[in-house]
Amino acid sequence: MNSFELNKIAGALLASVLVIIGVRELSSVFYATEAANPASYPVEVAEEGTETDGGEAAEEEAGPSLAVLLASADASKGEKVAKKCAACHTFDEGGANKVGPNLYGILGRAVASGNGFNYSQAMSDMGGTWTFENLAHFLEKPSAAVPGTAMSFAGLRKPTDQANILAYLNEQGSNLALPTE
């Protein structure tokens, strides 16, 4: 290797370093940043479990009530959401049980009372009837609502999805009056 080739390699390295420094300097001209003023926007963080403003802030953060959501719920959107459930459940009157029970007329029906379906012990022990409130709680996270349930569905996190599917289920044989509070 002669000195001419060594000069080419050294020149390429120096040129690369110059390009990197030049790009950095040029970008600082176009994208100038200023240090943030720490007193500009003070953010007060309340500890979890404490109430501020008499509990009103916590209530606003929770979102609208189930009654408000149900009043504006759309059963056709609920039918689309119910497609997530269709792998394990049917919704038709007299429909067959699949991995899960038929959900026709579920609102107002006793928990774990579907014809010919073998419910888990946890679901059988729950008792009561399926109301809008407890079904919404169950749909949010089944494993939290009924610990030990055999239902492996993760849940519906969006309250609007829960309200829409409740409206759809109500049209599927239950036809209960929507809650007002």
N, C-alpha and C. Protein backbone atom coordinates (compact mmCIF):
# COMPACT_ATOMS: atom_id res chain seq x y z
N MET A 1 0.85 -1.17 0.00
CA MET A 1 0.00 0.00 0.00
C MET A 1 0.91 1.24 0.00
N ASN A 2 0.71 2.13 -0.93
CA ASN A 2 1.57 3.29 -1.02
C ASN A 2 0.96 4.46 -0.24
N SER A 3 1.72 5.52 -0.15
CA SER A 3 1.29 6.68 0.64
C SER A 3 0.08 7.37 0.02
N PHE A 4 -0.09 7.24 -1.28
CA PHE A 4 -1.24 7.87 -1.93
C PHE A 4 -2.55 7.24 -1.43
N GLU A 5 -2.56 5.94 -1.29
CA GLU A 5 -3.78 5.26 -0.80
C GLU A 5 -4.03 5.60 0.66
N LEU A 6 -2.99 5.71 1.46
CA LEU A 6 -3.16 6.10 2.86
C LEU A 6 -3.74 7.51 2.95
N ASN A 7 -3.30 8.39 2.08
CA ASN A 7 -3.84 9.75 2.06
C ASN A 7 -5.33 9.74 1.69
N LYS A 8 -5.73 8.88 0.75
CA LYS A 8 -7.16 8.79 0.37
C LYS A 8 -8.00 8.31 1.55
N ILE A 9 -7.51 7.32 2.29
CA ILE A 9 -8.26 6.80 3.45
C ILE A 9 -8.37 7.87 4.54
N ALA A 10 -7.27 8.54 4.84
CA ALA A 10 -7.29 9.60 5.86
C ALA A 10 -8.21 10.74 5.42
N GLY A 11 -8.16 11.09 4.16
CA GLY A 11 -9.04 12.15 3.64
C GLY A 11 -10.51 11.77 3.75
N ALA A 12 -10.86 10.50 3.47
CA ALA A 12 -12.25 10.05 3.57
C ALA A 12 -12.73 10.11 5.01
N LEU A 13 -11.85 9.72 5.94
CA LEU A 13 -12.23 9.77 7.35
C LEU A 13 -12.45 11.21 7.80
N LEU A 14 -11.54 12.09 7.44
CA LEU A 14 -11.69 13.50 7.81
C LEU A 14 -12.94 14.12 7.17
N ALA A 15 -13.21 13.78 5.93
CA ALA A 15 -14.40 14.30 5.26
C ALA A 15 -15.66 13.81 5.96
N SER A 16 -15.68 12.56 6.39
CA SER A 16 -16.85 12.02 7.09
C SER A 16 -17.08 12.75 8.41
N VAL A 17 -16.00 12.99 9.15
CA VAL A 17 -16.12 13.72 10.41
C VAL A 17 -16.63 15.13 10.16
N LEU A 18 -16.11 15.78 9.12
CA LEU A 18 -16.57 17.13 8.78
C LEU A 18 -18.06 17.14 8.40
N VAL A 19 -18.52 16.16 7.67
CA VAL A 19 -19.93 16.08 7.28
C VAL A 19 -20.81 15.90 8.53
N ILE A 20 -20.41 15.04 9.44
CA ILE A 20 -21.19 14.80 10.66
C ILE A 20 -21.28 16.07 11.49
N ILE A 21 -20.14 16.75 11.68
CA ILE A 21 -20.15 17.99 12.46
C ILE A 21 -20.98 19.05 11.74
N GLY A 22 -20.85 19.14 10.43
CA GLY A 22 -21.63 20.12 9.66
C GLY A 22 -23.12 19.88 9.76
N VAL A 23 -23.56 18.64 9.68
CA VAL A 23 -24.99 18.32 9.78
C VAL A 23 -25.50 18.68 11.16
N ARG A 24 -24.71 18.36 12.19
CA ARG A 24 -25.14 18.68 13.56
C ARG A 24 -25.30 20.19 13.73
N GLU A 25 -24.33 20.96 13.28
CA GLU A 25 -24.39 22.41 13.40
C GLU A 25 -25.55 23.00 12.58
N LEU A 26 -25.73 22.48 11.39
CA LEU A 26 -26.79 22.98 10.53
C LEU A 26 -28.17 22.67 11.12
N SER A 27 -28.32 21.49 11.69
CA SER A 27 -29.62 21.14 12.29
C SER A 27 -29.89 21.99 13.52
N SER A 28 -28.87 22.39 14.26
CA SER A 28 -29.10 23.24 15.43
C SER A 28 -29.57 24.63 15.01
N VAL A 29 -29.20 25.06 13.79
CA VAL A 29 -29.68 26.34 13.28
C VAL A 29 -31.17 26.24 12.95
N PHE A 30 -31.58 25.15 12.29
CA PHE A 30 -32.98 25.00 11.90
C PHE A 30 -33.88 24.62 13.07
N TYR A 31 -33.38 23.84 14.00
CA TYR A 31 -34.18 23.35 15.11
C TYR A 31 -33.61 23.83 16.43
N ALA A 32 -33.69 25.12 16.66
CA ALA A 32 -33.20 25.69 17.90
C ALA A 32 -34.18 25.36 19.02
N THR A 33 -33.67 24.90 20.13
CA THR A 33 -34.50 24.58 21.27
C THR A 33 -34.16 25.51 22.42
N GLU A 34 -35.14 25.82 23.21
CA GLU A 34 -34.94 26.67 24.37
C GLU A 34 -35.18 25.82 25.60
N ALA A 35 -34.51 26.15 26.65
CA ALA A 35 -34.73 25.45 27.91
C ALA A 35 -36.12 25.81 28.41
N ALA A 36 -36.84 24.84 28.90
CA ALA A 36 -38.19 25.07 29.40
C ALA A 36 -38.15 25.81 30.73
N ASN A 37 -39.07 26.71 30.89
CA ASN A 37 -39.18 27.42 32.15
C ASN A 37 -39.91 26.50 33.12
N PRO A 38 -39.27 26.08 34.20
CA PRO A 38 -39.91 25.12 35.10
C PRO A 38 -41.15 25.67 35.79
N ALA A 39 -41.31 26.98 35.83
CA ALA A 39 -42.48 27.55 36.49
C ALA A 39 -43.62 27.83 35.51
N SER A 40 -43.47 27.47 34.24
CA SER A 40 -44.49 27.77 33.24
C SER A 40 -45.80 27.07 33.50
N TYR A 41 -45.76 25.76 33.65
CA TYR A 41 -46.97 24.98 33.82
C TYR A 41 -46.80 24.02 34.99
N PRO A 42 -47.03 24.48 36.19
CA PRO A 42 -46.89 23.54 37.30
C PRO A 42 -48.02 22.51 37.25
N VAL A 43 -47.65 21.28 37.43
CA VAL A 43 -48.62 20.20 37.39
C VAL A 43 -48.76 19.63 38.80
N GLU A 44 -49.97 19.70 39.32
CA GLU A 44 -50.23 19.15 40.64
C GLU A 44 -50.75 17.74 40.46
N VAL A 45 -50.14 16.82 41.13
CA VAL A 45 -50.53 15.42 41.03
C VAL A 45 -51.11 14.99 42.36
N ALA A 46 -52.38 14.62 42.35
CA ALA A 46 -53.01 14.11 43.57
C ALA A 46 -52.66 12.65 43.73
N GLU A 47 -52.43 12.25 44.96
CA GLU A 47 -52.15 10.85 45.20
C GLU A 47 -53.39 10.02 44.95
N GLU A 48 -53.18 8.79 44.50
CA GLU A 48 -54.30 7.90 44.21
C GLU A 48 -55.08 7.63 45.48
N GLY A 49 -56.39 7.72 45.39
CA GLY A 49 -57.24 7.44 46.53
C GLY A 49 -57.65 8.69 47.28
N THR A 50 -57.04 9.85 46.96
CA THR A 50 -57.44 11.09 47.63
C THR A 50 -58.44 11.81 46.77
N GLU A 51 -59.30 12.55 47.44
CA GLU A 51 -60.33 13.28 46.70
C GLU A 51 -59.95 14.74 46.64
N THR A 52 -60.19 15.35 45.50
CA THR A 52 -60.00 16.77 45.34
C THR A 52 -61.32 17.37 44.91
N ASP A 53 -61.56 18.59 45.31
CA ASP A 53 -62.81 19.28 44.96
C ASP A 53 -64.04 18.48 45.38
N GLY A 54 -64.01 17.89 46.53
CA GLY A 54 -65.18 17.16 47.01
C GLY A 54 -65.48 15.92 46.20
N GLY A 55 -64.51 15.36 45.48
CA GLY A 55 -64.73 14.14 44.72
C GLY A 55 -65.20 14.37 43.31
N GLU A 56 -65.42 15.65 42.94
CA GLU A 56 -65.94 15.93 41.60
C GLU A 56 -64.91 15.60 40.52
N ALA A 57 -63.64 15.89 40.79
CA ALA A 57 -62.61 15.62 39.79
C ALA A 57 -62.50 14.13 39.53
N ALA A 58 -62.57 13.33 40.59
CA ALA A 58 -62.49 11.89 40.42
C ALA A 58 -63.69 11.38 39.62
N GLU A 59 -64.85 11.98 39.83
CA GLU A 59 -66.04 11.55 39.10
C GLU A 59 -65.94 11.91 37.63
N GLU A 60 -65.39 13.12 37.33
CA GLU A 60 -65.23 13.52 35.94
C GLU A 60 -64.23 12.61 35.23
N GLU A 61 -63.18 12.23 35.95
CA GLU A 61 -62.16 11.39 35.37
C GLU A 61 -62.70 10.01 35.04
N ALA A 62 -63.67 9.53 35.81
CA ALA A 62 -64.24 8.21 35.58
C ALA A 62 -65.07 8.18 34.30
N GLY A 63 -65.49 9.34 33.82
CA GLY A 63 -66.27 9.38 32.59
C GLY A 63 -67.76 9.37 32.90
N PRO A 64 -68.56 9.37 31.85
CA PRO A 64 -70.00 9.40 32.05
C PRO A 64 -70.50 8.09 32.66
N SER A 65 -71.65 8.20 33.31
CA SER A 65 -72.23 7.02 33.96
C SER A 65 -72.74 6.04 32.90
N LEU A 66 -73.01 4.83 33.35
CA LEU A 66 -73.52 3.80 32.44
C LEU A 66 -74.87 4.22 31.85
N ALA A 67 -75.70 4.87 32.65
CA ALA A 67 -77.01 5.31 32.15
C ALA A 67 -76.85 6.30 31.00
N VAL A 68 -75.91 7.22 31.14
CA VAL A 68 -75.66 8.21 30.07
C VAL A 68 -75.13 7.51 28.83
N LEU A 69 -74.20 6.58 29.03
CA LEU A 69 -73.65 5.85 27.89
C LEU A 69 -74.72 5.01 27.19
N LEU A 70 -75.58 4.38 27.97
CA LEU A 70 -76.64 3.55 27.37
C LEU A 70 -77.66 4.39 26.62
N ALA A 71 -77.90 5.62 27.11
CA ALA A 71 -78.86 6.49 26.43
C ALA A 71 -78.38 6.84 25.02
N SER A 72 -77.08 6.90 24.83
CA SER A 72 -76.55 7.23 23.50
C SER A 72 -75.95 6.01 22.79
N ALA A 73 -76.16 4.83 23.34
CA ALA A 73 -75.58 3.61 22.76
C ALA A 73 -76.26 3.26 21.44
N ASP A 74 -75.51 2.60 20.58
CA ASP A 74 -75.99 2.20 19.26
C ASP A 74 -75.91 0.67 19.16
N ALA A 75 -77.08 0.05 19.08
CA ALA A 75 -77.13 -1.42 19.03
C ALA A 75 -76.45 -1.98 17.78
N SER A 76 -76.49 -1.24 16.67
CA SER A 76 -75.81 -1.75 15.46
C SER A 76 -74.30 -1.77 15.65
N LYS A 77 -73.76 -0.78 16.37
CA LYS A 77 -72.34 -0.81 16.70
C LYS A 77 -72.06 -1.94 17.69
N GLY A 78 -73.02 -2.18 18.58
CA GLY A 78 -72.89 -3.28 19.53
C GLY A 78 -72.86 -4.63 18.84
N GLU A 79 -73.60 -4.74 17.74
CA GLU A 79 -73.59 -5.99 16.97
C GLU A 79 -72.19 -6.24 16.39
N LYS A 80 -71.55 -5.15 15.96
CA LYS A 80 -70.19 -5.29 15.44
C LYS A 80 -69.22 -5.68 16.55
N VAL A 81 -69.38 -5.08 17.74
CA VAL A 81 -68.53 -5.43 18.88
C VAL A 81 -68.77 -6.88 19.28
N ALA A 82 -70.01 -7.34 19.15
CA ALA A 82 -70.37 -8.70 19.55
C ALA A 82 -69.70 -9.75 18.66
N LYS A 83 -69.16 -9.34 17.53
CA LYS A 83 -68.44 -10.30 16.69
C LYS A 83 -67.22 -10.86 17.40
N LYS A 84 -66.68 -10.08 18.37
CA LYS A 84 -65.57 -10.59 19.18
C LYS A 84 -66.04 -11.76 20.03
N CYS A 85 -67.31 -11.78 20.36
CA CYS A 85 -67.87 -12.82 21.24
C CYS A 85 -68.40 -14.01 20.45
N ALA A 86 -68.61 -13.82 19.15
CA ALA A 86 -69.28 -14.82 18.33
C ALA A 86 -68.49 -16.12 18.18
N ALA A 87 -67.20 -16.10 18.47
CA ALA A 87 -66.43 -17.34 18.39
C ALA A 87 -66.86 -18.31 19.49
N CYS A 88 -67.35 -17.78 20.59
CA CYS A 88 -67.71 -18.63 21.73
C CYS A 88 -69.20 -18.60 22.09
N HIS A 89 -69.94 -17.60 21.61
CA HIS A 89 -71.34 -17.44 21.99
C HIS A 89 -72.24 -17.28 20.76
N THR A 90 -73.50 -17.64 20.92
CA THR A 90 -74.52 -17.34 19.91
C THR A 90 -75.48 -16.34 20.52
N PHE A 91 -76.24 -15.63 19.67
CA PHE A 91 -77.14 -14.58 20.13
C PHE A 91 -78.58 -14.81 19.67
N ASP A 92 -78.83 -15.90 18.95
CA ASP A 92 -80.14 -16.15 18.37
C ASP A 92 -81.05 -16.83 19.39
N GLU A 93 -82.34 -16.58 19.27
CA GLU A 93 -83.29 -17.26 20.14
C GLU A 93 -83.21 -18.76 19.86
N GLY A 94 -83.01 -19.52 20.91
CA GLY A 94 -82.89 -20.97 20.78
C GLY A 94 -81.57 -21.41 20.19
N GLY A 95 -80.61 -20.49 20.06
CA GLY A 95 -79.31 -20.82 19.48
C GLY A 95 -78.55 -21.83 20.34
N ALA A 96 -77.68 -22.55 19.69
CA ALA A 96 -76.91 -23.58 20.38
C ALA A 96 -75.83 -22.95 21.26
N ASN A 97 -75.47 -23.68 22.30
CA ASN A 97 -74.33 -23.28 23.12
C ASN A 97 -73.07 -23.65 22.37
N LYS A 98 -72.06 -22.83 22.50
CA LYS A 98 -70.75 -23.14 21.93
C LYS A 98 -69.81 -23.37 23.11
N VAL A 99 -68.64 -22.79 23.04
CA VAL A 99 -67.72 -22.83 24.18
C VAL A 99 -68.36 -22.08 25.35
N GLY A 100 -69.12 -21.05 25.04
CA GLY A 100 -69.88 -20.28 26.02
C GLY A 100 -71.36 -20.45 25.76
N PRO A 101 -72.21 -20.02 26.70
CA PRO A 101 -73.65 -20.20 26.53
C PRO A 101 -74.26 -19.25 25.50
N ASN A 102 -75.46 -19.57 25.05
CA ASN A 102 -76.23 -18.68 24.19
C ASN A 102 -76.59 -17.45 25.02
N LEU A 103 -76.43 -16.26 24.45
CA LEU A 103 -76.66 -15.02 25.19
C LEU A 103 -77.99 -14.35 24.87
N TYR A 104 -78.88 -15.05 24.18
CA TYR A 104 -80.18 -14.47 23.86
C TYR A 104 -80.95 -14.25 25.16
N GLY A 105 -81.42 -13.04 25.39
CA GLY A 105 -82.21 -12.73 26.57
C GLY A 105 -81.42 -12.75 27.87
N ILE A 106 -80.13 -12.47 27.82
CA ILE A 106 -79.30 -12.57 29.02
C ILE A 106 -79.61 -11.51 30.06
N LEU A 107 -79.94 -10.28 29.63
CA LEU A 107 -80.24 -9.23 30.60
C LEU A 107 -81.54 -9.55 31.32
N GLY A 108 -81.48 -9.52 32.64
CA GLY A 108 -82.64 -9.86 33.46
C GLY A 108 -82.73 -11.33 33.80
N ARG A 109 -81.87 -12.14 33.20
CA ARG A 109 -81.85 -13.59 33.45
C ARG A 109 -80.93 -13.87 34.64
N ALA A 110 -81.21 -14.93 35.34
CA ALA A 110 -80.35 -15.33 36.46
C ALA A 110 -78.97 -15.72 35.94
N VAL A 111 -77.96 -15.38 36.72
CA VAL A 111 -76.58 -15.72 36.36
C VAL A 111 -76.44 -17.24 36.33
N ALA A 112 -75.72 -17.75 35.37
CA ALA A 112 -75.44 -19.19 35.23
C ALA A 112 -76.72 -20.01 35.06
N SER A 113 -77.66 -19.47 34.26
CA SER A 113 -78.93 -20.18 34.10
C SER A 113 -79.23 -20.54 32.65
N GLY A 114 -78.25 -20.47 31.77
CA GLY A 114 -78.50 -20.83 30.38
C GLY A 114 -78.82 -22.31 30.24
N ASN A 115 -79.79 -22.63 29.40
CA ASN A 115 -80.22 -24.02 29.23
C ASN A 115 -79.12 -24.90 28.68
N GLY A 116 -78.85 -25.97 29.37
CA GLY A 116 -77.94 -26.99 28.88
C GLY A 116 -76.48 -26.59 28.85
N PHE A 117 -76.08 -25.55 29.57
CA PHE A 117 -74.67 -25.17 29.57
C PHE A 117 -74.07 -25.47 30.93
N ASN A 118 -72.87 -26.02 30.93
CA ASN A 118 -72.17 -26.37 32.17
C ASN A 118 -71.28 -25.20 32.57
N TYR A 119 -71.75 -24.36 33.51
CA TYR A 119 -71.01 -23.18 33.95
C TYR A 119 -69.90 -23.56 34.92
N SER A 120 -68.87 -22.72 34.99
CA SER A 120 -67.80 -22.93 35.96
C SER A 120 -68.36 -22.75 37.37
N GLN A 121 -67.67 -23.30 38.33
CA GLN A 121 -68.13 -23.19 39.72
C GLN A 121 -68.15 -21.72 40.16
N ALA A 122 -67.16 -20.94 39.75
CA ALA A 122 -67.10 -19.52 40.12
C ALA A 122 -68.32 -18.78 39.58
N MET A 123 -68.72 -19.06 38.35
CA MET A 123 -69.89 -18.39 37.77
C MET A 123 -71.16 -18.85 38.47
N SER A 124 -71.26 -20.14 38.78
CA SER A 124 -72.45 -20.66 39.47
C SER A 124 -72.58 -20.06 40.86
N ASP A 125 -71.45 -19.81 41.52
CA ASP A 125 -71.46 -19.24 42.87
C ASP A 125 -71.76 -17.76 42.89
N MET A 126 -71.67 -17.08 41.75
CA MET A 126 -71.89 -15.64 41.70
C MET A 126 -73.31 -15.27 42.12
N GLY A 127 -74.29 -15.98 41.61
CA GLY A 127 -75.68 -15.72 41.96
C GLY A 127 -76.18 -14.40 41.41
N GLY A 128 -77.44 -14.09 41.66
CA GLY A 128 -78.05 -12.84 41.21
C GLY A 128 -78.55 -12.93 39.79
N THR A 129 -78.87 -11.78 39.24
CA THR A 129 -79.33 -11.70 37.85
C THR A 129 -78.41 -10.77 37.09
N TRP A 130 -78.41 -10.92 35.77
CA TRP A 130 -77.60 -10.05 34.93
C TRP A 130 -78.32 -8.73 34.74
N THR A 131 -77.82 -7.68 35.40
CA THR A 131 -78.32 -6.33 35.21
C THR A 131 -77.36 -5.62 34.26
N PHE A 132 -77.75 -4.43 33.82
CA PHE A 132 -76.87 -3.66 32.94
C PHE A 132 -75.54 -3.39 33.66
N GLU A 133 -75.61 -3.04 34.94
CA GLU A 133 -74.41 -2.67 35.69
C GLU A 133 -73.45 -3.85 35.87
N ASN A 134 -73.99 -5.00 36.36
CA ASN A 134 -73.03 -6.09 36.62
C ASN A 134 -72.56 -6.75 35.32
N LEU A 135 -73.36 -6.70 34.26
CA LEU A 135 -72.88 -7.23 32.98
C LEU A 135 -71.82 -6.32 32.39
N ALA A 136 -71.98 -5.00 32.57
CA ALA A 136 -70.95 -4.06 32.10
C ALA A 136 -69.65 -4.29 32.86
N HIS A 137 -69.75 -4.50 34.15
CA HIS A 137 -68.56 -4.78 34.96
C HIS A 137 -67.91 -6.08 34.51
N PHE A 138 -68.72 -7.08 34.23
CA PHE A 138 -68.20 -8.37 33.75
C PHE A 138 -67.54 -8.22 32.39
N LEU A 139 -68.16 -7.46 31.49
CA LEU A 139 -67.59 -7.28 30.15
C LEU A 139 -66.27 -6.51 30.18
N GLU A 140 -66.12 -5.64 31.16
CA GLU A 140 -64.88 -4.86 31.26
C GLU A 140 -63.68 -5.77 31.49
N LYS A 141 -63.81 -6.70 32.43
CA LYS A 141 -62.73 -7.66 32.69
C LYS A 141 -63.34 -8.86 33.41
N PRO A 142 -63.72 -9.89 32.67
CA PRO A 142 -64.40 -11.04 33.27
C PRO A 142 -63.64 -11.69 34.42
N SER A 143 -62.34 -11.79 34.31
CA SER A 143 -61.57 -12.46 35.36
C SER A 143 -61.56 -11.67 36.66
N ALA A 144 -61.73 -10.35 36.59
CA ALA A 144 -61.80 -9.53 37.80
C ALA A 144 -63.20 -9.55 38.39
N ALA A 145 -64.23 -9.59 37.53
CA ALA A 145 -65.60 -9.58 38.01
C ALA A 145 -65.98 -10.91 38.64
N VAL A 146 -65.50 -12.00 38.07
CA VAL A 146 -65.79 -13.34 38.58
C VAL A 146 -64.46 -14.11 38.64
N PRO A 147 -63.72 -13.93 39.74
CA PRO A 147 -62.44 -14.65 39.83
C PRO A 147 -62.65 -16.16 39.73
N GLY A 148 -61.89 -16.79 38.89
CA GLY A 148 -62.01 -18.23 38.70
C GLY A 148 -62.92 -18.63 37.56
N THR A 149 -63.44 -17.64 36.83
CA THR A 149 -64.31 -17.97 35.70
C THR A 149 -63.51 -18.69 34.62
N ALA A 150 -64.17 -19.55 33.89
CA ALA A 150 -63.50 -20.27 32.80
C ALA A 150 -63.41 -19.42 31.55
N MET A 151 -64.08 -18.27 31.53
CA MET A 151 -64.07 -17.39 30.36
C MET A 151 -62.70 -16.72 30.25
N SER A 152 -62.03 -16.93 29.13
CA SER A 152 -60.67 -16.42 28.96
C SER A 152 -60.62 -15.09 28.23
N PHE A 153 -61.74 -14.49 27.93
CA PHE A 153 -61.81 -13.22 27.21
C PHE A 153 -61.18 -12.11 28.06
N ALA A 154 -60.34 -11.28 27.46
CA ALA A 154 -59.64 -10.22 28.19
C ALA A 154 -60.58 -9.11 28.64
N GLY A 155 -61.62 -8.85 27.87
CA GLY A 155 -62.58 -7.81 28.25
C GLY A 155 -62.64 -6.69 27.25
N LEU A 156 -63.63 -5.82 27.45
CA LEU A 156 -63.82 -4.63 26.62
C LEU A 156 -63.46 -3.42 27.46
N ARG A 157 -62.38 -2.76 27.14
CA ARG A 157 -61.89 -1.64 27.96
C ARG A 157 -62.68 -0.36 27.73
N LYS A 158 -63.19 -0.14 26.52
CA LYS A 158 -63.88 1.11 26.21
C LYS A 158 -65.32 1.07 26.75
N PRO A 159 -65.68 2.04 27.58
CA PRO A 159 -67.06 2.09 28.09
C PRO A 159 -68.10 2.21 26.97
N THR A 160 -67.75 2.88 25.86
CA THR A 160 -68.71 3.00 24.76
C THR A 160 -68.96 1.64 24.11
N ASP A 161 -67.91 0.81 23.99
CA ASP A 161 -68.09 -0.54 23.46
C ASP A 161 -68.98 -1.36 24.38
N GLN A 162 -68.78 -1.22 25.68
CA GLN A 162 -69.61 -1.94 26.65
C GLN A 162 -71.08 -1.52 26.52
N ALA A 163 -71.30 -0.20 26.43
CA ALA A 163 -72.67 0.30 26.31
C ALA A 163 -73.31 -0.17 25.01
N ASN A 164 -72.56 -0.14 23.92
CA ASN A 164 -73.11 -0.56 22.62
C ASN A 164 -73.48 -2.05 22.64
N ILE A 165 -72.63 -2.88 23.22
CA ILE A 165 -72.95 -4.31 23.25
C ILE A 165 -74.10 -4.59 24.21
N LEU A 166 -74.21 -3.81 25.28
CA LEU A 166 -75.36 -3.98 26.18
C LEU A 166 -76.66 -3.60 25.47
N ALA A 167 -76.62 -2.55 24.66
CA ALA A 167 -77.80 -2.17 23.88
C ALA A 167 -78.17 -3.27 22.90
N TYR A 168 -77.16 -3.86 22.28
CA TYR A 168 -77.41 -4.97 21.35
C TYR A 168 -77.99 -6.18 22.08
N LEU A 169 -77.38 -6.54 23.21
CA LEU A 169 -77.88 -7.69 23.97
C LEU A 169 -79.29 -7.45 24.49
N ASN A 170 -79.60 -6.21 24.83
CA ASN A 170 -80.95 -5.89 25.31
C ASN A 170 -81.97 -6.09 24.19
N GLU A 171 -81.58 -5.81 22.96
CA GLU A 171 -82.48 -6.04 21.82
C GLU A 171 -82.64 -7.52 21.50
N GLN A 172 -81.71 -8.33 21.99
CA GLN A 172 -81.75 -9.77 21.71
C GLN A 172 -82.55 -10.50 22.78
N GLY A 173 -83.83 -10.18 22.88
CA GLY A 173 -84.74 -10.93 23.73
C GLY A 173 -84.97 -10.39 25.12
N SER A 174 -84.19 -9.45 25.59
CA SER A 174 -84.37 -8.95 26.96
C SER A 174 -85.37 -7.80 26.97
N ASN A 175 -85.11 -6.78 26.18
CA ASN A 175 -85.98 -5.61 26.03
C ASN A 175 -86.33 -4.96 27.37
N LEU A 176 -85.31 -4.80 28.23
CA LEU A 176 -85.51 -4.14 29.52
C LEU A 176 -85.44 -2.63 29.33
N ALA A 177 -86.06 -1.92 30.27
CA ALA A 177 -85.94 -0.46 30.26
C ALA A 177 -84.52 -0.08 30.65
N LEU A 178 -83.97 0.92 29.96
CA LEU A 178 -82.61 1.33 30.26
C LEU A 178 -82.57 2.02 31.62
N PRO A 179 -81.48 1.84 32.37
CA PRO A 179 -81.37 2.50 33.67
C PRO A 179 -81.31 4.01 33.50
N THR A 180 -81.85 4.74 34.48
CA THR A 180 -81.86 6.20 34.41
C THR A 180 -80.76 6.81 35.26
N GLU A 181 -80.19 6.06 36.14
CA GLU A 181 -79.09 6.56 36.98
C GLU A 181 -77.95 5.61 37.01
